[in-house]
Amino acid sequence: MEENRAAKAALGKFRRELWGPFITALKEYELISEGDRVAVCMSGGKDSALLAVLMREVRRYSDFPFDVEYITMDPGYAPENRKKLEENAAALGIPIRIFETNVFRVAGRQEHSPCYLCARMRRGHLYSFARELGCNKIALGHHMTDVIVTTLMGMLWGSQISGMLPRLRSTNFEGMELIRPLFRIREADIIRWAEYSGLDFLGCACSMTKEDSRYSSKRRATAELIASLKRENPDVEINLFNSLRNVELDTLVGYKSGGVEHSFLERLKNGEISTPDE
């Protein structure tokens, strides 16, 4: 398959914004090991398209051998969206394997939180198909901005501080892991790459979100808040991201670990927390 300029730009024109943070994430979080067989999950959107391009390139230049499969689940796309997905993959030179499910139809019957059900069903189907192909990892296209927005959403709308990890072991599929190689890449840089590509990537191709904006309103409002803060401080995004690794547990009233709630009183009574001299 012939690659268009977008595939080359990820390592050329946008090398500092895309390739550099991608490699940093792979190394820092130990996302890929020798002998891995990774299923790169492509949804038709810009994020997973970039992920596929970068994963193909790192496999070419890796110091150790590992395999990659490019898989796409059709959850019930309209014919024009399915065609667009296939044409974009061909333009990028990505040999995708498509399998079909009824996720949209099943999730559409759910009155409350259909997006949550859709996401869970998608994940399960992706794990199952990846395992059929002999893969031990699935790679998703979540990026730094997803991490930030998800965390802030939890604080603003869910009264919790809950982040997103770059690597997870599956609880339902033994021996399988989920990895997020775009973890250190900002969405703004992916958007610039996508616009440069000249390709028309899919957004959310689900009819429910088009008919009722309730399901994306909180995420959109949170993203808009971050964007407004960036106008005052361009470092807001990276500061929010770095704050997730600079958590001062000694200053928190409570936290959960392994599903168990803990209070600062436990550590205070044990003499583990004290007031610094001022």
Protein backbone atom coordinates (compact mmCIF):
# COMPACT_ATOMS: atom_id res chain seq x y z
CA MET A 1 0.00 0.00 0.00
CA GLU A 2 1.30 3.45 -0.87
CA GLU A 3 1.59 5.83 2.06
CA ASN A 4 0.36 9.41 1.76
CA ARG A 5 2.26 12.37 3.18
CA ALA A 6 0.58 12.04 6.59
CA ALA A 7 2.43 8.81 7.32
CA LYS A 8 5.77 10.43 6.54
CA ALA A 9 4.91 13.67 8.36
CA ALA A 10 4.48 11.86 11.69
CA LEU A 11 8.23 11.23 11.68
CA GLY A 12 9.23 14.33 9.74
CA LYS A 13 7.30 17.57 9.96
CA PHE A 14 5.66 16.61 13.28
CA ARG A 15 8.52 14.56 14.70
CA ARG A 16 9.00 16.69 17.84
CA GLU A 17 5.28 16.82 18.64
CA LEU A 18 4.38 13.21 17.79
CA TRP A 19 7.25 10.77 17.36
CA GLY A 20 9.28 12.11 20.31
CA PRO A 21 6.50 11.91 22.94
CA PHE A 22 5.41 8.55 21.52
CA ILE A 23 8.86 7.02 22.01
CA THR A 24 9.12 8.62 25.46
CA ALA A 25 5.86 6.95 26.52
CA LEU A 26 6.92 3.54 25.18
CA LYS A 27 10.14 3.67 27.18
CA GLU A 28 8.92 5.38 30.35
CA TYR A 29 5.91 3.11 30.83
CA GLU A 30 7.52 -0.04 29.30
CA LEU A 31 4.57 -0.48 26.96
CA ILE A 32 6.11 -2.94 24.49
CA SER A 33 8.44 -5.86 25.16
CA GLU A 34 10.27 -8.35 23.00
CA GLY A 35 7.94 -11.02 21.65
CA ASP A 36 4.75 -9.01 22.15
CA ARG A 37 1.95 -9.25 19.62
CA VAL A 38 0.05 -5.97 19.78
CA ALA A 39 -3.43 -5.38 18.37
CA VAL A 40 -3.62 -1.73 17.33
CA CYS A 41 -7.29 -0.78 17.54
CA MET A 42 -8.43 1.57 14.78
CA SER A 43 -11.84 3.23 15.06
CA GLY A 44 -11.60 5.41 11.97
CA GLY A 45 -10.77 8.53 13.97
CA LYS A 46 -7.64 10.68 13.82
CA ASP A 47 -6.18 9.41 17.12
CA SER A 48 -6.18 5.72 16.28
CA ALA A 49 -5.00 6.48 12.73
CA LEU A 50 -1.93 8.24 14.11
CA LEU A 51 -1.43 5.40 16.58
CA ALA A 52 -1.36 2.89 13.73
CA VAL A 53 1.18 4.92 11.77
CA LEU A 54 3.49 5.34 14.76
CA MET A 55 3.22 1.67 15.77
CA ARG A 56 4.09 0.56 12.26
CA GLU A 57 7.16 2.79 12.24
CA VAL A 58 8.43 1.79 15.67
CA ARG A 59 8.14 -1.87 14.66
CA ARG A 60 10.32 -1.11 11.63
CA TYR A 61 13.05 0.52 13.71
CA SER A 62 12.76 -1.36 17.00
CA ASP A 63 15.85 -2.87 18.62
CA PHE A 64 13.84 -5.99 19.47
CA PRO A 65 11.25 -8.03 17.56
CA PHE A 66 7.50 -7.76 18.18
CA ASP A 67 4.42 -8.14 15.98
CA VAL A 68 1.51 -5.83 15.23
CA GLU A 69 -2.03 -6.47 14.01
CA TYR A 70 -4.28 -3.59 12.95
CA ILE A 71 -7.85 -4.36 13.90
CA THR A 72 -11.07 -2.43 13.33
CA MET A 73 -14.43 -3.21 14.83
CA ASP A 74 -17.47 -2.20 12.80
CA PRO A 75 -20.09 -1.63 15.54
CA GLY A 76 -22.76 -0.82 12.97
CA TYR A 77 -21.33 2.03 10.92
CA ALA A 78 -23.33 3.59 8.14
CA PRO A 79 -22.01 2.42 4.74
CA GLU A 80 -20.43 5.81 3.98
CA ASN A 81 -18.51 5.77 7.28
CA ARG A 82 -17.31 2.21 6.70
CA LYS A 83 -16.10 3.23 3.23
CA LYS A 84 -14.32 6.32 4.57
CA LEU A 85 -12.56 4.23 7.22
CA GLU A 86 -11.32 1.72 4.65
CA GLU A 87 -10.14 4.44 2.24
CA ASN A 88 -8.22 6.29 4.96
CA ALA A 89 -6.48 3.12 6.11
CA ALA A 90 -5.47 2.38 2.53
CA ALA A 91 -4.16 5.93 2.07
CA LEU A 92 -2.02 5.55 5.20
CA GLY A 93 -0.77 2.16 4.10
CA ILE A 94 -2.31 0.34 7.06
CA PRO A 95 -3.55 -3.23 6.39
CA ILE A 96 -6.57 -3.41 8.68
CA ARG A 97 -8.59 -6.46 9.71
CA ILE A 98 -12.28 -5.55 10.08
CA PHE A 99 -14.76 -7.55 12.14
CA GLU A 100 -18.43 -6.76 12.65
CA THR A 101 -20.55 -6.48 15.82
CA ASN A 102 -23.97 -5.14 16.84
CA VAL A 103 -22.69 -2.73 19.50
CA PHE A 104 -24.55 0.35 18.22
CA ARG A 105 -27.84 -1.53 18.03
CA VAL A 106 -27.55 -2.99 21.55
CA ALA A 107 -26.27 0.20 23.20
CA GLY A 108 -28.97 2.20 21.44
CA ARG A 109 -31.63 0.35 23.44
CA GLN A 110 -30.11 1.61 26.68
CA GLU A 111 -32.00 4.62 28.01
CA HIS A 112 -29.35 5.68 30.50
CA SER A 113 -25.59 5.93 29.78
CA PRO A 114 -25.58 4.32 26.31
CA CYS A 115 -22.06 5.69 25.71
CA TYR A 116 -20.76 3.88 28.78
CA LEU A 117 -22.31 0.61 27.64
CA CYS A 118 -21.00 1.15 24.11
CA ALA A 119 -17.45 1.68 25.38
CA ARG A 120 -17.54 -1.43 27.57
CA MET A 121 -18.92 -3.58 24.77
CA ARG A 122 -16.35 -2.27 22.31
CA ARG A 123 -13.53 -3.07 24.72
CA GLY A 124 -14.77 -6.61 25.24
CA HIS A 125 -15.08 -7.30 21.51
CA LEU A 126 -11.62 -5.86 20.85
CA TYR A 127 -10.04 -8.04 23.53
CA SER A 128 -11.79 -11.13 22.19
CA PHE A 129 -10.78 -10.56 18.57
CA ALA A 130 -7.22 -9.64 19.55
CA ARG A 131 -6.89 -12.85 21.52
CA GLU A 132 -8.16 -14.85 18.53
CA LEU A 133 -5.25 -13.36 16.56
CA GLY A 134 -2.78 -14.44 19.22
CA CYS A 135 -2.21 -10.94 20.61
CA ASN A 136 -1.28 -10.30 24.24
CA LYS A 137 -1.86 -6.53 24.17
CA ILE A 138 -4.33 -4.09 22.68
CA ALA A 139 -3.26 -0.51 21.96
CA LEU A 140 -5.80 2.31 22.16
CA GLY A 141 -5.52 5.90 20.93
CA HIS A 142 -6.10 7.80 24.18
CA HIS A 143 -3.81 10.84 24.37
CA MET A 144 -2.63 13.35 26.96
CA THR A 145 -5.67 15.57 26.51
CA ASP A 146 -7.97 12.59 27.16
CA VAL A 147 -6.10 11.96 30.41
CA ILE A 148 -6.44 15.57 31.53
CA VAL A 149 -10.10 16.00 30.57
CA THR A 150 -11.11 12.66 32.12
CA THR A 151 -9.38 13.50 35.39
CA LEU A 152 -10.86 16.99 35.59
CA MET A 153 -14.31 15.66 34.69
CA GLY A 154 -14.11 13.31 37.64
CA MET A 155 -13.37 16.21 39.96
CA LEU A 156 -16.00 18.59 38.57
CA TRP A 157 -18.83 16.15 37.91
CA GLY A 158 -18.04 13.02 39.91
CA SER A 159 -16.47 14.38 43.14
CA GLN A 160 -13.41 12.17 42.76
CA ILE A 161 -9.81 12.36 41.65
CA SER A 162 -9.35 9.48 39.24
CA GLY A 163 -6.73 9.38 36.53
CA MET A 164 -6.06 7.20 33.51
CA LEU A 165 -3.12 4.77 33.36
CA PRO A 166 -0.92 4.17 30.30
CA ARG A 167 -0.89 0.42 30.90
CA LEU A 168 -3.40 -1.97 32.49
CA ARG A 169 -3.83 -5.70 32.93
CA SER A 170 -7.21 -7.04 31.89
CA THR A 171 -9.32 -8.55 34.66
CA ASN A 172 -11.58 -10.48 32.27
CA PHE A 173 -9.05 -11.65 29.67
CA GLU A 174 -6.17 -13.41 31.39
CA GLY A 175 -2.75 -12.61 30.00
CA MET A 176 -4.00 -9.55 28.09
CA GLU A 177 -2.94 -5.96 28.65
CA LEU A 178 -4.17 -2.58 27.44
CA ILE A 179 -1.60 0.04 26.49
CA ARG A 180 -1.94 3.73 25.54
CA PRO A 181 1.13 4.71 23.46
CA LEU A 182 -0.20 8.23 22.72
CA PHE A 183 -0.28 9.00 26.45
CA ARG A 184 2.16 11.91 26.19
CA ILE A 185 0.86 13.45 22.94
CA ARG A 186 -1.44 16.47 23.01
CA GLU A 187 -4.65 16.40 20.99
CA ALA A 188 -3.88 19.81 19.48
CA ASP A 189 -0.81 18.31 17.80
CA ILE A 190 -2.82 15.33 16.53
CA ILE A 191 -5.37 17.74 15.06
CA ARG A 192 -2.62 19.62 13.21
CA TRP A 193 -1.30 16.34 11.85
CA ALA A 194 -4.79 15.23 10.78
CA GLU A 195 -5.45 18.54 9.00
CA TYR A 196 -2.11 18.30 7.22
CA SER A 197 -2.92 14.76 6.08
CA GLY A 198 -5.76 15.92 3.85
CA LEU A 199 -7.83 12.95 5.02
CA ASP A 200 -11.34 13.15 6.45
CA PHE A 201 -11.26 11.06 9.62
CA LEU A 202 -14.39 9.89 11.44
CA GLY A 203 -15.60 11.68 14.53
CA CYS A 204 -18.12 9.83 16.65
CA ALA A 205 -20.11 7.88 14.07
CA CYS A 206 -22.87 6.98 16.51
CA SER A 207 -26.32 8.32 15.73
CA MET A 208 -27.19 8.70 19.43
CA THR A 209 -24.62 11.43 20.04
CA LYS A 210 -25.81 13.29 16.96
CA GLU A 211 -29.41 13.25 18.13
CA ASP A 212 -28.80 14.05 21.82
CA SER A 213 -25.79 16.01 23.01
CA ARG A 214 -26.27 15.04 26.68
CA TYR A 215 -23.75 12.25 26.34
CA SER A 216 -20.84 14.50 25.38
CA SER A 217 -21.82 17.80 27.02
CA LYS A 218 -19.84 17.33 30.23
CA ARG A 219 -16.68 16.32 28.38
CA ARG A 220 -17.08 19.23 25.99
CA ALA A 221 -17.63 21.70 28.85
CA THR A 222 -14.53 20.43 30.63
CA ALA A 223 -12.42 20.69 27.48
CA GLU A 224 -13.68 24.23 26.93
CA LEU A 225 -12.72 25.16 30.49
CA ILE A 226 -9.17 23.93 29.90
CA ALA A 227 -9.02 25.84 26.60
CA SER A 228 -10.12 29.05 28.31
CA LEU A 229 -7.47 28.63 31.03
CA LYS A 230 -4.84 28.06 28.34
CA ARG A 231 -5.46 31.54 27.02
CA GLU A 232 -4.18 32.87 30.35
CA ASN A 233 -1.51 30.22 30.89
CA PRO A 234 -0.21 28.19 27.91
CA ASP A 235 1.25 25.63 30.33
CA VAL A 236 -2.10 24.62 31.84
CA GLU A 237 -2.27 21.29 29.99
CA ILE A 238 1.20 20.09 30.89
CA ASN A 239 0.76 21.34 34.46
CA LEU A 240 -2.44 19.35 34.86
CA PHE A 241 -0.78 16.28 33.34
CA ASN A 242 2.29 16.52 35.58
CA SER A 243 0.15 17.06 38.67
CA LEU A 244 -1.06 13.46 38.29
CA ARG A 245 2.47 12.23 39.04
CA ASN A 246 3.16 14.78 41.76
CA VAL A 247 0.38 13.83 44.17
CA GLU A 248 1.12 14.77 47.80
CA LEU A 249 -0.78 12.08 49.72
CA ASP A 250 0.16 13.71 53.03
CA THR A 251 -2.08 16.67 52.13
CA LEU A 252 -5.17 14.66 51.14
CA VAL A 253 -8.05 14.07 53.54
CA GLY A 254 -8.67 10.62 52.09
CA TYR A 255 -7.84 8.27 49.25
CA LYS A 256 -8.68 4.82 47.92
CA SER A 257 -6.25 2.01 47.21
CA GLY A 258 -7.31 -1.41 46.00
CA GLY A 259 -10.93 -0.41 46.51
CA VAL A 260 -10.34 0.33 50.22
CA GLU A 261 -10.96 3.81 51.61
CA HIS A 262 -8.27 5.39 53.79
CA SER A 263 -8.38 8.53 55.94
CA PHE A 264 -5.55 10.91 56.79
CA LEU A 265 -6.40 10.10 60.43
CA GLU A 266 -4.79 6.68 60.06
CA ARG A 267 -1.42 8.19 59.23
CA LEU A 268 -1.84 11.07 61.66
CA LYS A 269 -2.44 8.73 64.59
CA ASN A 270 0.56 6.62 63.55
CA GLY A 271 2.76 9.70 63.55
CA GLU A 272 3.32 9.51 59.80
CA ILE A 273 2.02 13.05 59.18
CA SER A 274 3.43 16.08 60.93
CA THR A 275 3.33 19.84 60.45
CA PRO A 276 6.53 21.17 58.88
CA ASP A 277 8.33 23.96 60.70
CA GLU A 278 7.50 27.35 59.29
